[in-house]
Structures are given as C-alpha cells and as structure tokens.
Amino acid sequence: MIEQSPQPVLVEFHATWCGPCQMMSGILDEVAPSMRHKVKFVKVDTEKYPVVASKYRIGALPTLVLFKDGQPVDRVEGVLYAPDLRSRLEYLCR
C-alpha cells in the first residue's frame, strides 16, 4: 500500500499500552480531516506487526514516518502537537 500510493502516506507506529501514543492518536484524528486530500493516514500497532516495526527500526513510541513515492522522507519520535504536525505535513507535501 505504501509503495503504491499516489499520495504521501503518514504512518503512525503505536502500541495500545502506550500513553503518549493515545495522545498522538487524538492529535492525528484532529489533523487528518483537513489533510486527507494531501496525505493518507495509516496506523500500525507494533505489537501486532513487529516485523513492520523492525523493518523501519521503530525503537520509540509513538513514531510517525512520512513516505513519498514509497520511501521514508520524514520521521518524528514522540508526540508532535497539531499545529506543528499540520505545518510539517503542508511543507513536506507541497
């Protein structure tokens, strides 16, 4: 899916037990509606998909990875607040 997407894909790597991940999930829910025309949003539970987490060397949660043309172009570990996330996505998706 990531490799074949015509638009950038923002992947949130998270786990159900992770408090900051729950916070980041709420922020993504806030930002996603205004950005869906530019970015596809995907959530990956690292406990259910450890091979995917390992492939992208996810060591901290939450981690956001933005893919363009199937390649990772940006990465954020930890919580990124809505205004900063929106600005970053606008810049990277132009």
N, C-alpha and C. Protein backbone atom coordinates (compact mmCIF):
# COMPACT_ATOMS: atom_id res chain seq x y z
N MET A 1 0.82 -1.19 0.00
CA MET A 1 0.00 0.00 0.00
C MET A 1 0.86 1.26 0.00
N ILE A 2 1.88 1.30 0.85
CA ILE A 2 2.73 2.49 0.94
C ILE A 2 3.46 2.71 -0.38
N GLU A 3 4.00 1.65 -0.94
CA GLU A 3 4.78 1.77 -2.17
C GLU A 3 3.92 2.19 -3.35
N GLN A 4 2.64 1.84 -3.34
CA GLN A 4 1.78 2.07 -4.49
C GLN A 4 0.89 3.30 -4.35
N SER A 5 0.97 4.00 -3.24
CA SER A 5 0.10 5.15 -3.02
C SER A 5 0.54 6.34 -3.87
N PRO A 6 -0.39 6.95 -4.61
CA PRO A 6 -0.03 8.13 -5.40
C PRO A 6 0.17 9.37 -4.53
N GLN A 7 -0.32 9.33 -3.30
CA GLN A 7 -0.12 10.47 -2.40
C GLN A 7 0.77 10.04 -1.23
N PRO A 8 1.37 11.01 -0.55
CA PRO A 8 2.20 10.68 0.62
C PRO A 8 1.38 9.91 1.66
N VAL A 9 2.06 9.06 2.42
CA VAL A 9 1.43 8.25 3.46
C VAL A 9 2.12 8.55 4.78
N LEU A 10 1.33 8.94 5.79
CA LEU A 10 1.86 9.14 7.13
C LEU A 10 1.49 7.93 7.96
N VAL A 11 2.51 7.21 8.44
CA VAL A 11 2.29 6.01 9.24
C VAL A 11 2.58 6.34 10.70
N GLU A 12 1.61 6.05 11.55
CA GLU A 12 1.79 6.20 13.00
C GLU A 12 2.06 4.81 13.56
N PHE A 13 3.26 4.60 14.08
CA PHE A 13 3.61 3.36 14.76
C PHE A 13 3.27 3.56 16.23
N HIS A 14 2.47 2.64 16.78
CA HIS A 14 1.98 2.81 18.15
C HIS A 14 1.78 1.45 18.81
N ALA A 15 1.43 1.49 20.10
CA ALA A 15 1.03 0.29 20.84
C ALA A 15 -0.12 0.68 21.76
N THR A 16 -0.99 -0.27 22.06
CA THR A 16 -2.17 0.02 22.86
C THR A 16 -1.83 0.44 24.28
N TRP A 17 -0.72 -0.04 24.83
CA TRP A 17 -0.34 0.27 26.21
C TRP A 17 0.37 1.61 26.35
N CYS A 18 0.66 2.27 25.26
CA CYS A 18 1.49 3.49 25.24
C CYS A 18 0.63 4.74 25.42
N GLY A 19 0.77 5.42 26.57
CA GLY A 19 0.02 6.64 26.85
C GLY A 19 0.27 7.75 25.84
N PRO A 20 1.53 8.09 25.53
CA PRO A 20 1.79 9.11 24.52
C PRO A 20 1.21 8.75 23.15
N CYS A 21 1.13 7.45 22.85
CA CYS A 21 0.54 7.02 21.58
C CYS A 21 -0.95 7.38 21.53
N GLN A 22 -1.64 7.22 22.65
CA GLN A 22 -3.06 7.58 22.70
C GLN A 22 -3.23 9.07 22.48
N MET A 23 -2.32 9.85 23.05
CA MET A 23 -2.36 11.30 22.85
C MET A 23 -2.12 11.64 21.37
N MET A 24 -1.11 11.01 20.77
CA MET A 24 -0.79 11.26 19.37
C MET A 24 -1.94 10.82 18.46
N SER A 25 -2.60 9.75 18.81
CA SER A 25 -3.73 9.27 18.02
C SER A 25 -4.85 10.32 17.99
N GLY A 26 -5.10 10.96 19.12
CA GLY A 26 -6.09 12.03 19.17
C GLY A 26 -5.69 13.22 18.32
N ILE A 27 -4.41 13.55 18.33
CA ILE A 27 -3.90 14.66 17.51
C ILE A 27 -4.06 14.32 16.02
N LEU A 28 -3.75 13.09 15.65
CA LEU A 28 -3.92 12.68 14.25
C LEU A 28 -5.39 12.73 13.84
N ASP A 29 -6.28 12.33 14.75
CA ASP A 29 -7.71 12.40 14.46
C ASP A 29 -8.16 13.84 14.24
N GLU A 30 -7.51 14.77 14.92
CA GLU A 30 -7.82 16.19 14.76
C GLU A 30 -7.30 16.74 13.43
N VAL A 31 -6.09 16.34 13.05
CA VAL A 31 -5.43 16.88 11.87
C VAL A 31 -5.90 16.21 10.57
N ALA A 32 -6.18 14.93 10.62
CA ALA A 32 -6.47 14.15 9.41
C ALA A 32 -7.58 14.72 8.53
N PRO A 33 -8.72 15.15 9.08
CA PRO A 33 -9.79 15.62 8.18
C PRO A 33 -9.37 16.77 7.26
N SER A 34 -8.54 17.66 7.75
CA SER A 34 -8.13 18.80 6.92
C SER A 34 -6.98 18.47 5.97
N MET A 35 -6.37 17.30 6.14
CA MET A 35 -5.20 16.93 5.33
C MET A 35 -5.45 15.72 4.43
N ARG A 36 -6.62 15.11 4.51
CA ARG A 36 -6.88 13.87 3.76
C ARG A 36 -6.73 14.04 2.25
N HIS A 37 -6.90 15.23 1.74
CA HIS A 37 -6.74 15.46 0.30
C HIS A 37 -5.27 15.45 -0.11
N LYS A 38 -4.35 15.54 0.87
CA LYS A 38 -2.92 15.58 0.57
C LYS A 38 -2.16 14.36 1.08
N VAL A 39 -2.66 13.75 2.16
CA VAL A 39 -1.92 12.68 2.85
C VAL A 39 -2.86 11.54 3.21
N LYS A 40 -2.39 10.31 3.04
CA LYS A 40 -3.11 9.14 3.51
C LYS A 40 -2.58 8.81 4.91
N PHE A 41 -3.47 8.53 5.85
CA PHE A 41 -3.08 8.25 7.23
C PHE A 41 -3.26 6.76 7.52
N VAL A 42 -2.21 6.15 8.10
CA VAL A 42 -2.22 4.72 8.41
C VAL A 42 -1.68 4.54 9.83
N LYS A 43 -2.30 3.62 10.58
CA LYS A 43 -1.83 3.31 11.93
C LYS A 43 -1.32 1.87 11.94
N VAL A 44 -0.15 1.66 12.55
CA VAL A 44 0.43 0.32 12.66
C VAL A 44 0.69 0.02 14.13
N ASP A 45 0.03 -1.01 14.63
CA ASP A 45 0.25 -1.47 16.01
C ASP A 45 1.52 -2.32 16.01
N THR A 46 2.54 -1.85 16.70
CA THR A 46 3.84 -2.53 16.67
C THR A 46 3.80 -3.90 17.36
N GLU A 47 2.82 -4.12 18.22
CA GLU A 47 2.70 -5.44 18.86
C GLU A 47 2.09 -6.46 17.89
N LYS A 48 1.20 -6.01 17.03
CA LYS A 48 0.57 -6.90 16.06
C LYS A 48 1.45 -7.10 14.83
N TYR A 49 2.26 -6.09 14.51
CA TYR A 49 3.10 -6.13 13.30
C TYR A 49 4.56 -5.82 13.63
N PRO A 50 5.19 -6.67 14.45
CA PRO A 50 6.58 -6.40 14.86
C PRO A 50 7.57 -6.43 13.69
N VAL A 51 7.27 -7.20 12.66
CA VAL A 51 8.17 -7.28 11.51
C VAL A 51 8.21 -5.93 10.79
N VAL A 52 7.05 -5.29 10.66
CA VAL A 52 6.99 -3.97 10.01
C VAL A 52 7.73 -2.95 10.87
N ALA A 53 7.52 -3.00 12.18
CA ALA A 53 8.22 -2.08 13.09
C ALA A 53 9.73 -2.28 13.00
N SER A 54 10.15 -3.52 12.92
CA SER A 54 11.58 -3.82 12.81
C SER A 54 12.15 -3.32 11.48
N LYS A 55 11.40 -3.50 10.42
CA LYS A 55 11.86 -3.07 9.09
C LYS A 55 12.19 -1.58 9.08
N TYR A 56 11.37 -0.78 9.79
CA TYR A 56 11.59 0.67 9.81
C TYR A 56 12.30 1.14 11.08
N ARG A 57 12.87 0.18 11.81
CA ARG A 57 13.69 0.45 13.00
C ARG A 57 12.97 1.35 14.01
N ILE A 58 11.77 0.94 14.36
CA ILE A 58 10.98 1.68 15.33
C ILE A 58 11.45 1.28 16.73
N GLY A 59 12.02 2.24 17.45
CA GLY A 59 12.53 1.96 18.79
C GLY A 59 11.82 2.76 19.86
N ALA A 60 11.12 3.81 19.46
CA ALA A 60 10.39 4.66 20.40
C ALA A 60 8.96 4.79 19.92
N LEU A 61 8.06 4.96 20.86
CA LEU A 61 6.65 5.12 20.52
C LEU A 61 6.10 6.39 21.15
N PRO A 62 5.23 7.08 20.45
CA PRO A 62 4.85 6.88 19.05
C PRO A 62 5.94 7.35 18.11
N THR A 63 5.95 6.79 16.93
CA THR A 63 6.83 7.26 15.85
C THR A 63 5.98 7.48 14.61
N LEU A 64 6.16 8.64 14.00
CA LEU A 64 5.49 8.96 12.74
C LEU A 64 6.52 8.90 11.63
N VAL A 65 6.18 8.22 10.54
CA VAL A 65 7.06 8.17 9.37
C VAL A 65 6.23 8.58 8.15
N LEU A 66 6.72 9.58 7.43
CA LEU A 66 6.05 10.03 6.22
C LEU A 66 6.76 9.43 5.01
N PHE A 67 5.99 8.78 4.16
CA PHE A 67 6.51 8.16 2.94
C PHE A 67 6.02 8.94 1.73
N LYS A 68 6.94 9.19 0.80
CA LYS A 68 6.60 9.76 -0.51
C LYS A 68 7.22 8.85 -1.55
N ASP A 69 6.43 8.49 -2.54
CA ASP A 69 6.90 7.57 -3.59
C ASP A 69 7.46 6.29 -2.99
N GLY A 70 6.84 5.83 -1.90
CA GLY A 70 7.23 4.57 -1.28
C GLY A 70 8.46 4.64 -0.39
N GLN A 71 9.06 5.81 -0.26
CA GLN A 71 10.29 5.95 0.53
C GLN A 71 10.05 6.85 1.74
N PRO A 72 10.67 6.51 2.89
CA PRO A 72 10.54 7.38 4.06
C PRO A 72 11.28 8.69 3.83
N VAL A 73 10.60 9.82 4.07
CA VAL A 73 11.21 11.14 3.85
C VAL A 73 11.25 11.98 5.12
N ASP A 74 10.50 11.56 6.14
CA ASP A 74 10.50 12.30 7.40
C ASP A 74 10.11 11.35 8.52
N ARG A 75 10.63 11.65 9.71
CA ARG A 75 10.40 10.78 10.86
C ARG A 75 10.37 11.62 12.12
N VAL A 76 9.40 11.34 12.99
CA VAL A 76 9.28 12.03 14.27
C VAL A 76 9.04 10.98 15.34
N GLU A 77 9.86 11.00 16.38
CA GLU A 77 9.65 10.12 17.53
C GLU A 77 9.08 10.95 18.66
N GLY A 78 8.00 10.47 19.26
CA GLY A 78 7.34 11.20 20.33
C GLY A 78 6.14 11.96 19.82
N VAL A 79 5.53 12.72 20.73
CA VAL A 79 4.30 13.45 20.39
C VAL A 79 4.64 14.72 19.63
N LEU A 80 3.90 14.97 18.56
CA LEU A 80 4.01 16.20 17.78
C LEU A 80 2.63 16.85 17.82
N TYR A 81 2.56 18.06 18.34
CA TYR A 81 1.27 18.72 18.52
C TYR A 81 0.67 19.15 17.18
N ALA A 82 -0.65 19.30 17.16
CA ALA A 82 -1.41 19.52 15.93
C ALA A 82 -0.87 20.65 15.05
N PRO A 83 -0.60 21.85 15.59
CA PRO A 83 -0.11 22.92 14.70
C PRO A 83 1.23 22.56 14.04
N ASP A 84 2.11 21.93 14.81
CA ASP A 84 3.42 21.53 14.28
C ASP A 84 3.28 20.42 13.24
N LEU A 85 2.41 19.46 13.52
CA LEU A 85 2.19 18.37 12.57
C LEU A 85 1.60 18.90 11.27
N ARG A 86 0.60 19.75 11.38
CA ARG A 86 -0.04 20.32 10.20
C ARG A 86 0.98 21.10 9.35
N SER A 87 1.79 21.93 10.01
CA SER A 87 2.82 22.72 9.29
C SER A 87 3.82 21.81 8.60
N ARG A 88 4.25 20.80 9.30
CA ARG A 88 5.24 19.87 8.75
C ARG A 88 4.68 19.14 7.53
N LEU A 89 3.44 18.68 7.64
CA LEU A 89 2.81 17.98 6.51
C LEU A 89 2.60 18.91 5.32
N GLU A 90 2.16 20.12 5.58
CA GLU A 90 1.97 21.10 4.50
C GLU A 90 3.29 21.33 3.76
N TYR A 91 4.37 21.48 4.51
CA TYR A 91 5.68 21.73 3.91
C TYR A 91 6.15 20.51 3.10
N LEU A 92 6.04 19.33 3.68
CA LEU A 92 6.57 18.13 3.03
C LEU A 92 5.71 17.63 1.87
N CYS A 93 4.45 18.03 1.84
CA CYS A 93 3.54 17.52 0.81
C CYS A 93 3.28 18.52 -0.31
N ARG A 94 4.08 19.54 -0.40
CA ARG A 94 3.87 20.51 -1.48
C ARG A 94 4.53 20.06 -2.75
